[in-house]
Amino acid sequence: MKSVRILVAAVLASAAAILATGTPAQAYPDPVCTVSVSPQRIVAGSQFTATVTSTVATDLSATYRGVTKSASDATRLVARFNAGSAGSHQLSISCGGEIKGVAVQVLPADAAIDDPDGNDNGTGPSSNGLLPNTGGLPWILLVIGAVLVVAGGTVAVRRRS
């Protein structure tokens, strides 16, 4: 009976020591905010969308040229703004009290879009208009891939025998 009491006292003392030395619970995690602007090419007089996302619900706001859009206790804010005149302008983002600045470059309305192959798909020189030509020769990559597959098969066959 005396050994049971000692065992119970040891277990209670161990539990109290573990609970007493534990780390305190963290309150709310800090929000991690990201900002994206679309479209990538903003032309004077057009509209663009700024999307602010946060990892936790917080107060979000976006201000561009004196116009503010906001959301309370949210994880996402989608705000549309008029681009206004050409030039570099500041988009201010507030996320959980943290303020970030994002530079927005607005192109003139008559800006020429750099499209070397002239087919209006924005890809540059290519054989079929679907993907841009990155300068690599595709048949070289095919040969290298085939050699690696054959080498891997040879190693696998040798290990089995």
Protein backbone atom coordinates (compact mmCIF):
# COMPACT_ATOMS: atom_id res chain seq x y z
CA MET A 1 0.00 0.00 0.00
CA LYS A 2 2.85 2.30 0.83
CA SER A 3 4.47 1.63 -2.57
CA VAL A 4 1.20 2.49 -4.38
CA ARG A 5 1.07 5.85 -2.58
CA ILE A 6 4.66 6.58 -3.57
CA LEU A 7 3.92 5.60 -7.17
CA VAL A 8 0.81 7.84 -7.30
CA ALA A 9 2.78 10.74 -5.76
CA ALA A 10 5.55 10.27 -8.33
CA VAL A 11 3.07 10.25 -11.22
CA LEU A 12 1.33 13.39 -9.92
CA ALA A 13 4.67 15.15 -9.40
CA SER A 14 5.76 14.20 -12.93
CA ALA A 15 2.48 15.46 -14.43
CA ALA A 16 2.75 18.73 -12.50
CA ALA A 17 6.35 19.21 -13.68
CA ILE A 18 5.40 18.59 -17.31
CA LEU A 19 2.46 21.00 -17.15
CA ALA A 20 4.46 23.66 -15.33
CA THR A 21 7.34 23.65 -17.82
CA GLY A 22 5.18 23.62 -20.98
CA THR A 23 5.29 26.57 -23.35
CA PRO A 24 2.48 29.06 -22.99
CA ALA A 25 -0.25 28.95 -25.62
CA GLN A 26 0.30 31.40 -28.42
CA ALA A 27 -2.52 33.87 -28.89
CA TYR A 28 -3.27 34.60 -32.54
CA PRO A 29 -0.66 33.95 -35.20
CA ASP A 30 0.64 36.94 -37.13
CA PRO A 31 -1.01 37.31 -40.53
CA VAL A 32 1.10 36.64 -43.60
CA CYS A 33 -0.19 38.77 -46.44
CA THR A 34 0.29 38.49 -50.18
CA VAL A 35 -0.68 40.94 -52.92
CA SER A 36 -1.31 40.28 -56.60
CA VAL A 37 -2.26 42.73 -59.33
CA SER A 38 -3.88 41.76 -62.61
CA PRO A 39 -3.56 42.29 -65.46
CA GLN A 40 0.23 42.50 -65.53
CA ARG A 41 0.15 45.22 -68.21
CA ILE A 42 -2.02 48.10 -67.05
CA VAL A 43 -2.91 50.69 -69.67
CA ALA A 44 -3.99 54.25 -68.84
CA GLY A 45 -7.76 54.56 -68.55
CA SER A 46 -8.33 50.85 -67.94
CA GLN A 47 -9.17 49.00 -64.73
CA PHE A 48 -7.07 46.57 -62.74
CA THR A 49 -7.71 44.24 -59.83
CA ALA A 50 -5.65 44.09 -56.64
CA THR A 51 -6.12 40.91 -54.59
CA VAL A 52 -4.92 40.85 -50.98
CA THR A 53 -4.89 37.53 -49.11
CA SER A 54 -4.04 36.82 -45.49
CA THR A 55 -3.36 33.59 -43.63
CA VAL A 56 -5.68 34.65 -40.78
CA ALA A 57 -8.82 36.77 -40.68
CA THR A 58 -7.87 40.41 -40.15
CA ASP A 59 -8.67 43.94 -41.36
CA LEU A 60 -7.56 44.40 -44.98
CA SER A 61 -7.49 47.55 -47.10
CA ALA A 62 -6.09 48.70 -50.43
CA THR A 63 -5.64 52.36 -51.38
CA TYR A 64 -4.83 53.59 -54.88
CA ARG A 65 -4.79 57.26 -55.86
CA GLY A 66 -6.98 58.27 -52.91
CA VAL A 67 -9.60 55.51 -53.33
CA THR A 68 -9.74 52.97 -50.49
CA LYS A 69 -11.41 49.56 -50.55
CA SER A 70 -11.50 47.57 -47.31
CA ALA A 71 -12.79 44.42 -45.63
CA SER A 72 -13.04 43.70 -41.91
CA ASP A 73 -12.21 40.36 -40.33
CA ALA A 74 -11.49 38.78 -43.72
CA THR A 75 -8.82 36.61 -45.32
CA ARG A 76 -9.29 38.01 -48.84
CA LEU A 77 -9.95 41.40 -50.41
CA VAL A 78 -10.53 41.84 -54.14
CA ALA A 79 -10.49 45.52 -55.13
CA ARG A 80 -10.96 47.02 -58.61
CA PHE A 81 -9.39 50.38 -59.35
CA ASN A 82 -9.31 52.74 -62.32
CA ALA A 83 -5.70 52.97 -63.49
CA GLY A 84 -5.89 56.67 -64.30
CA SER A 85 -3.04 58.37 -66.13
CA ALA A 86 0.21 56.82 -67.28
CA GLY A 87 3.14 56.71 -64.89
CA SER A 88 4.28 54.98 -61.74
CA HIS A 89 1.75 55.07 -58.90
CA GLN A 90 1.65 53.66 -55.37
CA LEU A 91 -0.80 50.97 -54.22
CA SER A 92 -0.86 50.90 -50.41
CA ILE A 93 -1.94 47.70 -48.71
CA SER A 94 -2.85 47.44 -45.02
CA CYS A 95 -3.00 43.94 -43.59
CA GLY A 96 -3.45 43.49 -39.87
CA GLY A 97 -1.85 46.86 -39.15
CA GLU A 98 1.15 46.22 -41.41
CA ILE A 99 1.35 48.59 -44.38
CA LYS A 100 3.00 47.59 -47.65
CA GLY A 101 3.56 49.66 -50.74
CA VAL A 102 3.36 48.21 -54.23
CA ALA A 103 4.47 50.19 -57.28
CA VAL A 104 1.96 50.09 -60.14
CA GLN A 105 3.31 50.99 -63.57
CA VAL A 106 0.57 52.34 -65.86
CA LEU A 107 1.42 52.41 -69.58
CA PRO A 108 0.20 55.13 -71.94
CA ALA A 109 -3.02 54.25 -73.79
CA ASP A 110 -1.20 54.24 -77.12
CA ALA A 111 1.71 52.07 -75.89
CA ALA A 112 2.81 49.47 -78.39
CA ILE A 113 2.77 45.96 -76.99
CA ASP A 114 6.06 44.21 -77.76
CA ASP A 115 4.97 41.23 -79.89
CA PRO A 116 7.81 40.28 -82.25
CA ASP A 117 5.96 37.62 -84.26
CA GLY A 118 2.96 39.90 -84.88
CA ASN A 119 0.25 37.33 -84.11
CA ASP A 120 -1.10 39.11 -80.98
CA ASN A 121 -0.64 36.12 -78.69
CA GLY A 122 2.30 37.63 -76.83
CA THR A 123 4.51 34.61 -77.29
CA GLY A 124 7.28 35.94 -79.52
CA PRO A 125 8.88 33.86 -82.28
CA SER A 126 7.54 30.32 -82.29
CA SER A 127 6.66 27.67 -84.82
CA ASN A 128 3.03 27.19 -83.82
CA GLY A 129 2.08 30.27 -81.75
CA LEU A 130 1.41 28.24 -78.59
CA LEU A 131 4.67 28.44 -76.68
CA PRO A 132 7.53 30.92 -76.86
CA ASN A 133 10.83 29.87 -78.36
CA THR A 134 13.23 29.68 -75.41
CA GLY A 135 16.29 29.07 -77.58
CA GLY A 136 16.77 25.39 -76.79
CA LEU A 137 16.67 22.65 -79.40
CA PRO A 138 13.95 20.13 -78.48
CA TRP A 139 15.63 17.13 -80.19
CA ILE A 140 18.70 17.47 -77.93
CA LEU A 141 16.51 17.19 -74.85
CA LEU A 142 14.79 14.15 -76.38
CA VAL A 143 18.13 12.40 -76.98
CA ILE A 144 19.35 13.19 -73.44
CA GLY A 145 16.08 11.86 -71.97
CA ALA A 146 16.28 8.64 -74.01
CA VAL A 147 19.91 8.05 -72.92
CA LEU A 148 18.93 8.52 -69.26
CA VAL A 149 16.00 6.07 -69.58
CA VAL A 150 18.22 3.41 -71.23
CA ALA A 151 20.95 3.92 -68.59
CA GLY A 152 18.40 3.57 -65.80
CA GLY A 153 17.01 0.37 -67.33
CA THR A 154 20.52 -1.06 -67.66
CA VAL A 155 21.29 -0.37 -64.01
CA ALA A 156 17.99 -1.94 -62.92
CA VAL A 157 18.62 -5.11 -64.99
CA ARG A 158 22.19 -5.49 -63.66
CA ARG A 159 21.03 -5.19 -60.05
CA ARG A 160 18.48 -7.97 -60.49
CA SER A 161 21.01 -10.43 -61.93
